[in-house]
Amino acid sequence: FPLCSTEEMNSNRFGTFLCLKNIRTFLCACQEKFGMKKNELFEAFDLFDVRDFAKVIDTLSILSQTPLALQRGFRDTVEEDDDLYDCVEEDENEGDDIYEDLMRTEEPETQQKVEVDKRSCCLQELRQTEEKYTNTLESILQHFLKPLQPFLQPVDIENIFINIQDLAKTHRSLLHELQESMLHSRAENLYQIFIDYKERLLLYGRYCSQVEAATKHLDKITSMHEDVKMKLEECSMRANSGRFSLRDLLMVPMQRVLKYHLLLQELVKHTVDQREKENLRTALDAMRDLAQCVNEVKRDNEIIRQITTFQLCIEKMSLSLALYGRPKIDGEFKICNLEKKSKQDRYGFLFDKALLVCKKRSGESLELKELIELQHYQLRDEPSGEKDSKKWTHTFLLMDLYGQGGYDLFFKTRELKKKWLEQFEMALSNMCPENSTANGHDFQMHCFEDTTSCKSFHASVHENLTIGKVGWFPCSKVQPFVPAVTHPSGVRFAGNMDRAGAKTLLMSRSDGTFLVRQKDAGEFAISLKYCEHTQTPCDVFNVCVWQELVQYYQENSLRECFKDVDSRLQTPYKQPEQSHTPSTPQHRSNTTHRFISVCVCVCVCVCVCAGVSERYHGTAKVHYDFSARDRTELSLREGDTVKIISKKAHNGWWKGEVYGRVGLFPSNYVEEEHSDYC
């Protein structure tokens, strides 16, 4: 199998331990259920490390010829290779197909108008799909939940239908408010409805994280109880003439909650009024945050199940592993400390806050030998020679912060060492983020018991996310913070002015003269006169501005962000010129005069949050959509402009800000801008 990549095979989402456990469970079933001999089976690492894939194929071939497999009627050959993977695409699109079929909106009866009001179409689609979705929820309650109650135990009802009654109640109310807004208020308060309902819609977190288990439970019951199976078929016929089963309909809510931000995105695109557009963008951000939060709750529930599996396999582990955050990587390594120089074979689990060092026992069981809390350690890499290919020679050190000791970790290959080192760096970075001690802050990771919201960014923080710190503090130690007025004024402010006007006004002034102007869109910009007395042309730079930005660059050179601009914001344009710095022809005789307006809005902007300032280092245009997988990442949409904060993340990831959100994103999804538009 020349195209089979070991690295891709091992880049799994469940970790080495669970993958090997699943492989061994399969091998055990081959022996116990299908009667295969031990010498007919491959070893677990033959598949996991792609060490002997031919042996894996041999095992599968023998399995297909066992009496039980033949009895089930499975064919061991296929007629057309082209159709091998058709079923994969069909399964992948099944959920979307059901949702689209149920939510299909009716075309307008008359198509007389040449120009269609696209905004009205977006509003109509939003209303009609909400009506159909609410009807779908009511149908599930009326035609499935109620008729099945005499056939199922209360615990089965809860496991299958989860909190769908709460969903139906919420959407009845939401639909009513949407209809009222579009009928009586011309949808002017539509944005506020979605903002208000964001907290109520967080109940989708529970539903989406349990719906997979619900469908499995439903399948199990129908396979065991023929009367329930027949009743379900009867319910389906009454609900929709048998087109959709209960299993199909249970997947619809998960599709719906992830559609709101897409519907609002289209509405924003086709809204002309700037005030309405900004309001809708606020609602769009709320629904994007909702979708991300739902995805995170779903993912973290999967992680909790993964952690539970770890916990059950580790002996002498009295504390809950969930206290140590999310699992990052697990696998084999050798370890030694300053007291015991000999290397010991161990199996490790790295979490956000700790490294669990275990010793293998019989079967899948492990014994906890040591728990290393990362807050007391720092990393030190020990580079191995380029030609050093010996196993277990690739190492790095965990050093005690107080110099009391440490650990040497040895890995089988250079690639494994690199993976572990990256995960350790990420874990330590999470424990002590950059600027975490600024202004006397004491950052600690914390698990919220309930879904809450960040009061600064109005972003949802769900119960399983390890972030932040909650506690009491003496009120005498703090003072209320009143934000400074950011509207420019005085000798620096030129009022409403375009770039050409700024150029004309500053052309005759001396180097370093600047003004603050207001653009048509309501944003503010700085225009700066700068001439370097070499071959560099004379530029007027336009900068999106806050009050802090002007103050900072009155004291610091712009050169720290722009290597060709060694100048400060020296003289507000209304301030009289100093006599010793006249702007004469002789003064500029060796200078080539050319005006270039360069956008440096995010290169020097200051983002103030929680008392910590963060400067930007450029902008980038988003070319591809990117959906954040957790709170450390930043969702992007094609066409967005990202403010670049840092390019120092690993593996081609940058840190940036868009729409007030900060996080990591892949740099190959964007193109850095050097635009002349601000």
Foldseek 3Di string as FASTA:
>chain_A
DVPDDLVVLQPDDQFDLVQLVVLVVVVVCCCPVQVDDPVLADHSCCRNRVVPVVSVVSSVVVSCPGPVNVVVPDDPDDDDPVCPCVVVVCVVCLLVVLLCVQLPDDDDPDPPDPDDQQLVVLLVSVLSSLVSLLVLLVLCVPLPLVVCVVVDDPVLSCLQCPVSVLVSVLSVVLSVVSVCCVPPVVVLCVLVSLVVCLVSVLVLLRLLLRNVVNLVSVVVVVVVDVVSVVSQQVSCCVRPNNPDGSNSSSSNVLVVLLCVLVSLVSSLVSDDDPVSNVSSVSSSVSSLLSNLSSLQSNVVSVQLVSQVVVVVQEPPPPDRPLVQAGWDHKAWWWKDKPVGPDTDIWIWIDHLFWIFTWDDDPDSHIYTDDIGGLVQWDKAADDDDPPPFAFFPGWIWTAGPVRPMTMIITGGGPVVSVSVVLSSVVSVCQQPPPCCCPPNHDWHWAFACAWDADPVQRHIDGRSGTGGDDDDDDPVVDDDDDDDDFDDDDLQEPEADDPVVQCVLPVQDFFLEKHWYAYPVRFIWMWGWHFDLAADATETEIAGDTPVLLVVQCPAAPCVQPVVGGYGNDHRSNDDDDPVGGRDCVVCVRHDYDYFYWYCHQCRYWDADPNDTFGFRFKWAFQDFDRDSDLQADTDDHGFIWTFRAQPRPDQWTWTDGPRGTHIDHNVRIGTDGDSDD
